[in-house]
C-alpha atoms as a PDB file:
ATOM      1  CA  UNK A   1     -25.253 -99.602  60.431  1.00  0.00           C
ATOM      2  CA  UNK A   2     -22.341-101.985  59.991  1.00  0.00           C
ATOM      3  CA  UNK A   3     -18.924-101.153  58.556  1.00  0.00           C
ATOM      4  CA  UNK A   4     -15.751-100.010  60.206  1.00  0.00           C
ATOM      5  CA  UNK A   5     -15.100 -96.617  61.736  1.00  0.00           C
ATOM      6  CA  UNK A   6     -12.527 -95.952  58.980  1.00  0.00           C
ATOM      7  CA  UNK A   7     -15.013 -96.638  56.170  1.00  0.00           C
ATOM      8  CA  UNK A   8     -17.610 -94.519  57.958  1.00  0.00           C
ATOM      9  CA  UNK A   9     -15.134 -91.666  57.994  1.00  0.00           C
ATOM     10  CA  UNK A  10     -14.358 -92.184  54.292  1.00  0.00           C
ATOM     11  CA  UNK A  11     -18.104 -92.169  53.490  1.00  0.00           C
ATOM     12  CA  UNK A  12     -18.580 -88.907  55.549  1.00  0.00           C
ATOM     13  CA  UNK A  13     -15.555 -87.416  53.644  1.00  0.00           C
ATOM     14  CA  UNK A  14     -17.236 -88.291  50.301  1.00  0.00           C
ATOM     15  CA  UNK A  15     -20.499 -86.785  51.539  1.00  0.00           C
ATOM     16  CA  UNK A  16     -18.749 -83.684  52.695  1.00  0.00           C
ATOM     17  CA  UNK A  17     -16.900 -83.454  49.362  1.00  0.00           C
ATOM     18  CA  UNK A  18     -20.390 -83.574  47.569  1.00  0.00           C
ATOM     19  CA  UNK A  19     -21.685 -80.623  49.616  1.00  0.00           C
ATOM     20  CA  UNK A  20     -18.392 -78.705  49.153  1.00  0.00           C
ATOM     21  CA  UNK A  21     -18.508 -79.136  45.375  1.00  0.00           C
ATOM     22  CA  UNK A  22     -22.142 -77.997  45.501  1.00  0.00           C
ATOM     23  CA  UNK A  23     -21.271 -74.938  47.566  1.00  0.00           C
ATOM     24  CA  UNK A  24     -18.280 -73.997  45.475  1.00  0.00           C
ATOM     25  CA  UNK A  25     -20.156 -74.393  42.158  1.00  0.00           C
ATOM     26  CA  UNK A  26     -17.271 -76.784  41.211  1.00  0.00           C
ATOM     27  CA  UNK A  27     -18.423 -78.827  38.224  1.00  0.00           C
ATOM     28  CA  UNK A  28     -15.112 -80.676  38.016  1.00  0.00           C
ATOM     29  CA  UNK A  29     -15.256 -81.790  41.598  1.00  0.00           C
ATOM     30  CA  UNK A  30     -18.925 -82.786  41.321  1.00  0.00           C
ATOM     31  CA  UNK A  31     -18.115 -84.815  38.202  1.00  0.00           C
ATOM     32  CA  UNK A  32     -15.288 -86.625  40.011  1.00  0.00           C
ATOM     33  CA  UNK A  33     -17.631 -87.553  42.896  1.00  0.00           C
ATOM     34  CA  UNK A  34     -20.176 -89.440  40.815  1.00  0.00           C
ATOM     35  CA  UNK A  35     -19.652 -93.115  39.809  1.00  0.00           C
ATOM     36  CA  UNK A  36     -18.594 -93.772  36.167  1.00  0.00           C
ATOM     37  CA  UNK A  37     -19.220 -97.512  36.062  1.00  0.00           C
ATOM     38  CA  UNK A  38     -22.240 -98.058  38.365  1.00  0.00           C
ATOM     39  CA  UNK A  39     -25.578 -96.814  37.292  1.00  0.00           C
ATOM     40  CA  UNK A  40     -26.525 -93.378  38.735  1.00  0.00           C
ATOM     41  CA  UNK A  41     -29.816 -91.507  39.427  1.00  0.00           C
ATOM     42  CA  UNK A  42     -30.806 -88.210  40.989  1.00  0.00           C
ATOM     43  CA  UNK A  43     -34.055 -86.685  42.285  1.00  0.00           C
ATOM     44  CA  UNK A  44     -33.728 -82.973  42.810  1.00  0.00           C
ATOM     45  CA  UNK A  45     -36.691 -81.354  44.634  1.00  0.00           C
ATOM     46  CA  UNK A  46     -39.458 -80.685  42.126  1.00  0.00           C
ATOM     47  CA  UNK A  47     -37.637 -82.292  39.187  1.00  0.00           C
ATOM     48  CA  UNK A  48     -38.467 -85.359  37.211  1.00  0.00           C
ATOM     49  CA  UNK A  49     -36.200 -88.376  38.096  1.00  0.00           C
ATOM     50  CA  UNK A  50     -32.921 -88.278  36.271  1.00  0.00           C
ATOM     51  CA  UNK A  51     -31.218 -91.513  35.188  1.00  0.00           C
ATOM     52  CA  UNK A  52     -28.058 -92.023  33.271  1.00  0.00           C
ATOM     53  CA  UNK A  53     -24.893 -90.258  34.167  1.00  0.00           C
ATOM     54  CA  UNK A  54     -25.048 -87.717  31.265  1.00  0.00           C
ATOM     55  CA  UNK A  55     -28.466 -86.438  32.431  1.00  0.00           C
ATOM     56  CA  UNK A  56     -27.435 -86.302  36.108  1.00  0.00           C
ATOM     57  CA  UNK A  57     -24.186 -84.350  35.301  1.00  0.00           C
ATOM     58  CA  UNK A  58     -26.132 -81.958  33.041  1.00  0.00           C
ATOM     59  CA  UNK A  59     -28.467 -81.192  35.948  1.00  0.00           C
ATOM     60  CA  UNK A  60     -25.553 -80.436  38.213  1.00  0.00           C
ATOM     61  CA  UNK A  61     -23.920 -78.264  35.643  1.00  0.00           C
ATOM     62  CA  UNK A  62     -27.072 -76.166  35.513  1.00  0.00           C
ATOM     63  CA  UNK A  63     -27.557 -76.022  39.277  1.00  0.00           C
ATOM     64  CA  UNK A  64     -23.935 -75.200  39.899  1.00  0.00           C
ATOM     65  CA  UNK A  65     -24.129 -72.087  37.738  1.00  0.00           C
ATOM     66  CA  UNK A  66     -25.844 -70.438  40.796  1.00  0.00           C
ATOM     67  CA  UNK A  67     -25.892 -72.892  43.626  1.00  0.00           C
ATOM     68  CA  UNK A  68     -28.015 -72.109  46.696  1.00  0.00           C
ATOM     69  CA  UNK A  69     -26.281 -71.988  50.100  1.00  0.00           C
ATOM     70  CA  UNK A  70     -26.832 -75.435  51.720  1.00  0.00           C
ATOM     71  CA  UNK A  71     -25.691 -76.735  55.072  1.00  0.00           C
ATOM     72  CA  UNK A  72     -25.527 -80.490  55.600  1.00  0.00           C
ATOM     73  CA  UNK A  73     -26.727 -81.343  59.178  1.00  0.00           C
ATOM     74  CA  UNK A  74     -26.700 -84.441  61.224  1.00  0.00           C
ATOM     75  CA  UNK A  75     -25.399 -86.857  58.573  1.00  0.00           C
ATOM     76  CA  UNK A  76     -25.978 -90.542  59.508  1.00  0.00           C
ATOM     77  CA  UNK A  77     -24.037 -93.333  57.752  1.00  0.00           C
ATOM     78  CA  UNK A  78     -25.422 -96.707  56.911  1.00  0.00           C
ATOM     79  CA  UNK A  79     -22.691 -98.949  55.471  1.00  0.00           C
ATOM     80  CA  UNK A  80     -22.774-102.546  54.261  1.00  0.00           C
ATOM     81  CA  UNK A  81     -20.358-104.390  52.020  1.00  0.00           C
ATOM     82  CA  UNK A  82     -19.231-101.817  49.492  1.00  0.00           C
ATOM     83  CA  UNK A  83     -22.514 -99.829  49.446  1.00  0.00           C
ATOM     84  CA  UNK A  84     -23.457 -97.050  51.812  1.00  0.00           C
ATOM     85  CA  UNK A  85     -25.986 -94.354  52.201  1.00  0.00           C
ATOM     86  CA  UNK A  86     -26.020 -91.127  54.236  1.00  0.00           C
ATOM     87  CA  UNK A  87     -29.315 -89.689  55.491  1.00  0.00           C
ATOM     88  CA  UNK A  88     -29.056 -86.029  56.411  1.00  0.00           C
ATOM     89  CA  UNK A  89     -30.822 -82.724  56.712  1.00  0.00           C
ATOM     90  CA  UNK A  90     -30.103 -79.899  54.306  1.00  0.00           C
ATOM     91  CA  UNK A  91     -30.624 -76.353  55.580  1.00  0.00           C
ATOM     92  CA  UNK A  92     -31.365 -74.060  52.720  1.00  0.00           C
ATOM     93  CA  UNK A  93     -31.938 -70.539  54.165  1.00  0.00           C
ATOM     94  CA  UNK A  94     -34.551 -71.009  56.933  1.00  0.00           C
ATOM     95  CA  UNK A  95     -35.988 -74.154  55.273  1.00  0.00           C
ATOM     96  CA  UNK A  96     -35.043 -77.832  55.767  1.00  0.00           C
ATOM     97  CA  UNK A  97     -34.928 -80.582  53.291  1.00  0.00           C
ATOM     98  CA  UNK A  98     -34.091 -84.225  53.964  1.00  0.00           C
ATOM     99  CA  UNK A  99     -31.610 -86.030  51.679  1.00  0.00           C
ATOM    100  CA  UNK A 100     -30.375 -89.489  50.891  1.00  0.00           C
ATOM    101  CA  UNK A 101     -26.926 -89.810  49.330  1.00  0.00           C
ATOM    102  CA  UNK A 102     -26.008 -93.267  48.182  1.00  0.00           C
ATOM    103  CA  UNK A 103     -22.355 -94.353  47.578  1.00  0.00           C
ATOM    104  CA  UNK A 104     -20.585 -97.427  46.194  1.00  0.00           C
ATOM    105  CA  UNK A 105     -16.904 -98.441  46.242  1.00  0.00           C
ATOM    106  CA  UNK A 106     -15.598 -97.742  42.740  1.00  0.00           C
ATOM    107  CA  UNK A 107     -11.926 -97.527  41.868  1.00  0.00           C
ATOM    108  CA  UNK A 108     -10.895 -97.853  45.504  1.00  0.00           C
ATOM    109  CA  UNK A 109     -13.013 -94.987  46.767  1.00  0.00           C
ATOM    110  CA  UNK A 110     -16.581 -94.026  47.580  1.00  0.00           C
ATOM    111  CA  UNK A 111     -18.425 -92.595  44.594  1.00  0.00           C
ATOM    112  CA  UNK A 112     -21.985 -91.302  44.602  1.00  0.00           C
ATOM    113  CA  UNK A 113     -24.678 -93.202  42.668  1.00  0.00           C
ATOM    114  CA  UNK A 114     -27.797 -91.506  43.876  1.00  0.00           C
ATOM    115  CA  UNK A 115     -28.840 -88.170  45.497  1.00  0.00           C
ATOM    116  CA  UNK A 116     -32.391 -87.396  46.473  1.00  0.00           C
ATOM    117  CA  UNK A 117     -33.452 -84.317  48.349  1.00  0.00           C
ATOM    118  CA  UNK A 118     -36.927 -83.206  49.202  1.00  0.00           C
ATOM    119  CA  UNK A 119     -39.060 -81.047  51.500  1.00  0.00           C
ATOM    120  CA  UNK A 120     -40.066 -82.065  54.960  1.00  0.00           C
ATOM    121  CA  UNK A 121     -42.200 -80.637  57.719  1.00  0.00           C
ATOM    122  CA  UNK A 122     -39.678 -81.828  60.273  1.00  0.00           C
ATOM    123  CA  UNK A 123     -36.515 -80.261  61.674  1.00  0.00           C
ATOM    124  CA  UNK A 124     -33.199 -81.777  62.556  1.00  0.00           C
ATOM    125  CA  UNK A 125     -32.385 -82.151  66.234  1.00  0.00           C
ATOM    126  CA  UNK A 126     -31.693 -78.771  67.958  1.00  0.00           C
ATOM    127  CA  UNK A 127     -28.028 -79.700  68.504  1.00  0.00           C
ATOM    128  CA  UNK A 128     -27.609 -80.220  64.719  1.00  0.00           C
ATOM    129  CA  UNK A 129     -29.275 -76.877  63.950  1.00  0.00           C
ATOM    130  CA  UNK A 130     -26.914 -75.056  66.197  1.00  0.00           C
ATOM    131  CA  UNK A 131     -23.693 -76.723  65.001  1.00  0.00           C
ATOM    132  CA  UNK A 132     -21.451 -75.042  62.521  1.00  0.00           C
ATOM    133  CA  UNK A 133     -19.815 -78.408  61.721  1.00  0.00           C
ATOM    134  CA  UNK A 134     -20.173 -79.389  58.141  1.00  0.00           C
ATOM    135  CA  UNK A 135     -21.346 -75.827  57.151  1.00  0.00           C
ATOM    136  CA  UNK A 136     -21.184 -75.440  53.436  1.00  0.00           C
ATOM    137  CA  UNK A 137     -21.173 -72.030  51.773  1.00  0.00           C
END
């Protein structure tokens, strides 16, 4: 899990901004979070894999018309040389999903290149379930 504490905070900030754009239904903010130069992909639960930025952004525009309430829980940062990923739990109602959000440094900031979220039969640690930190929506 290398990387500096500062870059870890920047990555968590980018991850939080993703969930905030999601919660707010903010297409403009979501668009600004995703990389423009690096290749991108997205795997929404139950969807076919989406590749190419235009397809990924179209999927978010559709989802953001009526976004579900999602809480990001227990985000863990893995950072190495300009590429990082965050593993976290997503609370959607009483259900939990697990998610991987991958970021690269582009234009001096962390930009998303991949999001994958899917069902799990597990649950986040009890402390993460009880926290209101990083509550979205």
